[in-house]
Amino acid sequence: MKIKILGSGCKNCVNLAKNTEEALKEMGMEAEIIKVTDFKEIAAYGIMSTPGLVIDEKVVSYGKVLKPDAIQELITKK
């Protein structure tokens, strides 16, 4: 599984990355977490506000910092 955090590296982006790592740890799962900071690449996903969360190339959230339990829900729905 590949998870991408889309954003400039701002506080919200960092928090989303931490929450994603925590969610995976709680689930006993491993995934490759990639931080995407290039605005052209972020725009290619069609999001207008960051941070964005992409699971296996599907945008599942943008514009907010999800809590670990919400991230776990998105991972299990995948």
N, C-alpha and C. Protein backbone atom coordinates (compact mmCIF):
# COMPACT_ATOMS: atom_id res chain seq x y z
N MET A 1 0.85 -1.17 0.00
CA MET A 1 0.00 0.00 0.00
C MET A 1 0.89 1.24 0.00
N LYS A 2 0.53 2.22 -0.83
CA LYS A 2 1.24 3.48 -0.87
C LYS A 2 0.30 4.58 -0.40
N ILE A 3 0.77 5.37 0.55
CA ILE A 3 -0.01 6.49 1.06
C ILE A 3 0.79 7.76 0.79
N LYS A 4 0.12 8.75 0.20
CA LYS A 4 0.79 10.02 -0.07
C LYS A 4 0.15 11.12 0.75
N ILE A 5 1.02 11.97 1.32
CA ILE A 5 0.57 13.17 2.01
C ILE A 5 0.89 14.32 1.06
N LEU A 6 -0.14 15.03 0.62
CA LEU A 6 0.05 16.13 -0.31
C LEU A 6 0.05 17.44 0.45
N GLY A 7 1.11 18.24 0.28
CA GLY A 7 1.16 19.54 0.92
C GLY A 7 2.56 20.11 0.93
N SER A 8 2.63 21.36 1.33
CA SER A 8 3.89 22.11 1.27
C SER A 8 4.86 21.76 2.39
N GLY A 9 4.42 20.97 3.35
CA GLY A 9 5.26 20.68 4.52
C GLY A 9 4.85 21.53 5.71
N CYS A 10 3.67 22.14 5.62
CA CYS A 10 3.16 22.99 6.70
C CYS A 10 2.82 22.14 7.93
N LYS A 11 2.46 22.83 9.00
CA LYS A 11 2.13 22.15 10.26
C LYS A 11 1.02 21.12 10.07
N ASN A 12 -0.02 21.48 9.33
CA ASN A 12 -1.13 20.54 9.10
C ASN A 12 -0.68 19.30 8.34
N CYS A 13 0.21 19.50 7.37
CA CYS A 13 0.72 18.37 6.58
C CYS A 13 1.54 17.43 7.48
N VAL A 14 2.36 18.01 8.33
CA VAL A 14 3.18 17.23 9.25
C VAL A 14 2.28 16.45 10.21
N ASN A 15 1.23 17.11 10.72
CA ASN A 15 0.30 16.44 11.65
C ASN A 15 -0.45 15.31 10.96
N LEU A 16 -0.85 15.50 9.72
CA LEU A 16 -1.54 14.44 8.99
C LEU A 16 -0.62 13.25 8.78
N ALA A 17 0.64 13.51 8.49
CA ALA A 17 1.61 12.42 8.32
C ALA A 17 1.78 11.65 9.63
N LYS A 18 1.89 12.37 10.74
CA LYS A 18 2.03 11.72 12.06
C LYS A 18 0.81 10.87 12.38
N ASN A 19 -0.38 11.43 12.13
CA ASN A 19 -1.62 10.69 12.40
C ASN A 19 -1.75 9.45 11.52
N THR A 20 -1.26 9.55 10.29
CA THR A 20 -1.29 8.40 9.38
C THR A 20 -0.37 7.31 9.89
N GLU A 21 0.83 7.70 10.32
CA GLU A 21 1.77 6.72 10.88
C GLU A 21 1.19 6.06 12.12
N GLU A 22 0.54 6.85 12.97
CA GLU A 22 -0.07 6.32 14.19
C GLU A 22 -1.20 5.35 13.85
N ALA A 23 -2.02 5.70 12.86
CA ALA A 23 -3.13 4.83 12.45
C ALA A 23 -2.61 3.49 11.96
N LEU A 24 -1.57 3.52 11.13
CA LEU A 24 -0.99 2.27 10.62
C LEU A 24 -0.41 1.44 11.75
N LYS A 25 0.27 2.09 12.68
CA LYS A 25 0.88 1.38 13.81
C LYS A 25 -0.20 0.69 14.65
N GLU A 26 -1.30 1.42 14.92
CA GLU A 26 -2.40 0.86 15.71
C GLU A 26 -3.05 -0.33 15.01
N MET A 27 -3.04 -0.30 13.67
CA MET A 27 -3.65 -1.38 12.89
C MET A 27 -2.68 -2.53 12.66
N GLY A 28 -1.42 -2.34 13.04
CA GLY A 28 -0.41 -3.37 12.80
C GLY A 28 -0.09 -3.52 11.32
N MET A 29 -0.22 -2.43 10.57
CA MET A 29 0.02 -2.47 9.13
C MET A 29 1.25 -1.64 8.79
N GLU A 30 1.80 -1.95 7.63
CA GLU A 30 2.90 -1.16 7.12
C GLU A 30 2.51 -0.64 5.75
N ALA A 31 2.97 0.56 5.46
CA ALA A 31 2.71 1.16 4.15
C ALA A 31 3.84 2.13 3.86
N GLU A 32 4.05 2.37 2.59
CA GLU A 32 5.03 3.37 2.18
C GLU A 32 4.34 4.73 2.24
N ILE A 33 4.88 5.63 3.06
CA ILE A 33 4.32 6.98 3.17
C ILE A 33 5.23 7.93 2.40
N ILE A 34 4.64 8.60 1.42
CA ILE A 34 5.38 9.50 0.55
C ILE A 34 4.85 10.91 0.76
N LYS A 35 5.75 11.85 1.01
CA LYS A 35 5.33 13.24 1.16
C LYS A 35 5.54 13.95 -0.17
N VAL A 36 4.46 14.47 -0.72
CA VAL A 36 4.50 15.15 -2.01
C VAL A 36 4.39 16.65 -1.76
N THR A 37 5.45 17.39 -2.11
CA THR A 37 5.47 18.82 -1.87
C THR A 37 5.46 19.64 -3.16
N ASP A 38 5.61 18.99 -4.30
CA ASP A 38 5.62 19.69 -5.58
C ASP A 38 4.20 20.10 -5.96
N PHE A 39 3.99 21.43 -6.13
CA PHE A 39 2.63 21.93 -6.36
C PHE A 39 2.04 21.43 -7.68
N LYS A 40 2.86 21.20 -8.69
CA LYS A 40 2.34 20.66 -9.95
C LYS A 40 1.79 19.25 -9.74
N GLU A 41 2.53 18.47 -8.98
CA GLU A 41 2.09 17.09 -8.69
C GLU A 41 0.83 17.09 -7.83
N ILE A 42 0.77 18.00 -6.85
CA ILE A 42 -0.42 18.12 -5.99
C ILE A 42 -1.63 18.52 -6.84
N ALA A 43 -1.44 19.50 -7.71
CA ALA A 43 -2.53 19.98 -8.57
C ALA A 43 -3.04 18.87 -9.50
N ALA A 44 -2.15 17.96 -9.88
CA ALA A 44 -2.54 16.86 -10.77
C ALA A 44 -3.58 15.95 -10.11
N TYR A 45 -3.65 15.97 -8.78
CA TYR A 45 -4.65 15.18 -8.07
C TYR A 45 -6.00 15.91 -7.99
N GLY A 46 -6.02 17.16 -8.43
CA GLY A 46 -7.27 17.91 -8.48
C GLY A 46 -7.72 18.48 -7.15
N ILE A 47 -6.82 18.63 -6.19
CA ILE A 47 -7.23 19.21 -4.91
C ILE A 47 -6.80 20.67 -4.86
N MET A 48 -7.61 21.47 -4.21
CA MET A 48 -7.34 22.90 -4.12
C MET A 48 -6.83 23.32 -2.75
N SER A 49 -7.01 22.48 -1.74
CA SER A 49 -6.51 22.82 -0.41
C SER A 49 -5.80 21.62 0.19
N THR A 50 -4.74 21.92 0.92
CA THR A 50 -3.93 20.87 1.54
C THR A 50 -4.17 20.88 3.04
N PRO A 51 -3.85 19.86 3.75
CA PRO A 51 -3.17 18.66 3.27
C PRO A 51 -4.12 17.70 2.56
N GLY A 52 -3.55 16.89 1.70
CA GLY A 52 -4.32 15.87 1.01
C GLY A 52 -3.81 14.49 1.41
N LEU A 53 -4.72 13.53 1.41
CA LEU A 53 -4.36 12.15 1.73
C LEU A 53 -4.77 11.27 0.55
N VAL A 54 -3.79 10.56 0.02
CA VAL A 54 -4.02 9.70 -1.14
C VAL A 54 -3.63 8.27 -0.76
N ILE A 55 -4.55 7.34 -0.93
CA ILE A 55 -4.27 5.93 -0.65
C ILE A 55 -4.34 5.17 -1.96
N ASP A 56 -3.22 4.55 -2.32
CA ASP A 56 -3.13 3.80 -3.59
C ASP A 56 -3.68 4.60 -4.77
N GLU A 57 -3.20 5.84 -4.88
CA GLU A 57 -3.52 6.76 -5.98
C GLU A 57 -4.96 7.26 -6.00
N LYS A 58 -5.71 7.07 -4.91
CA LYS A 58 -7.07 7.59 -4.82
C LYS A 58 -7.11 8.65 -3.73
N VAL A 59 -7.56 9.87 -4.09
CA VAL A 59 -7.68 10.95 -3.10
C VAL A 59 -8.84 10.60 -2.17
N VAL A 60 -8.54 10.49 -0.88
CA VAL A 60 -9.58 10.13 0.09
C VAL A 60 -9.93 11.29 1.02
N SER A 61 -9.06 12.31 1.08
CA SER A 61 -9.33 13.46 1.94
C SER A 61 -8.44 14.62 1.52
N TYR A 62 -8.95 15.83 1.70
CA TYR A 62 -8.12 17.01 1.51
C TYR A 62 -8.69 18.19 2.29
N GLY A 63 -7.80 19.10 2.65
CA GLY A 63 -8.22 20.31 3.35
C GLY A 63 -8.42 20.18 4.84
N LYS A 64 -8.10 19.00 5.40
CA LYS A 64 -8.26 18.84 6.85
C LYS A 64 -7.27 17.81 7.38
N VAL A 65 -7.01 17.91 8.68
CA VAL A 65 -6.13 16.96 9.34
C VAL A 65 -7.01 15.91 10.00
N LEU A 66 -6.98 14.71 9.45
CA LEU A 66 -7.79 13.62 10.00
C LEU A 66 -7.14 13.03 11.24
N LYS A 67 -7.97 12.58 12.14
CA LYS A 67 -7.49 11.87 13.33
C LYS A 67 -7.16 10.43 12.93
N PRO A 68 -6.30 9.75 13.72
CA PRO A 68 -5.92 8.38 13.37
C PRO A 68 -7.09 7.43 13.15
N ASP A 69 -8.16 7.55 13.96
CA ASP A 69 -9.29 6.62 13.78
C ASP A 69 -10.01 6.86 12.45
N ALA A 70 -10.09 8.10 12.01
CA ALA A 70 -10.71 8.39 10.71
C ALA A 70 -9.85 7.84 9.57
N ILE A 71 -8.54 7.92 9.73
CA ILE A 71 -7.62 7.38 8.72
C ILE A 71 -7.75 5.86 8.66
N GLN A 72 -7.87 5.23 9.81
CA GLN A 72 -8.04 3.77 9.85
C GLN A 72 -9.30 3.37 9.08
N GLU A 73 -10.37 4.14 9.25
CA GLU A 73 -11.62 3.86 8.55
C GLU A 73 -11.42 3.91 7.03
N LEU A 74 -10.70 4.93 6.57
CA LEU A 74 -10.44 5.09 5.14
C LEU A 74 -9.58 3.94 4.61
N ILE A 75 -8.61 3.51 5.41
CA ILE A 75 -7.74 2.40 4.98
C ILE A 75 -8.54 1.11 4.86
N THR A 76 -9.43 0.85 5.80
CA THR A 76 -10.19 -0.39 5.76
C THR A 76 -11.25 -0.38 4.64
N LYS A 77 -11.74 0.80 4.26
CA LYS A 77 -12.72 0.91 3.16
C LYS A 77 -12.06 0.68 1.81
N LYS A 78 -10.78 0.91 1.73
CA LYS A 78 -10.04 0.88 0.46
C LYS A 78 -10.29 -0.38 -0.32
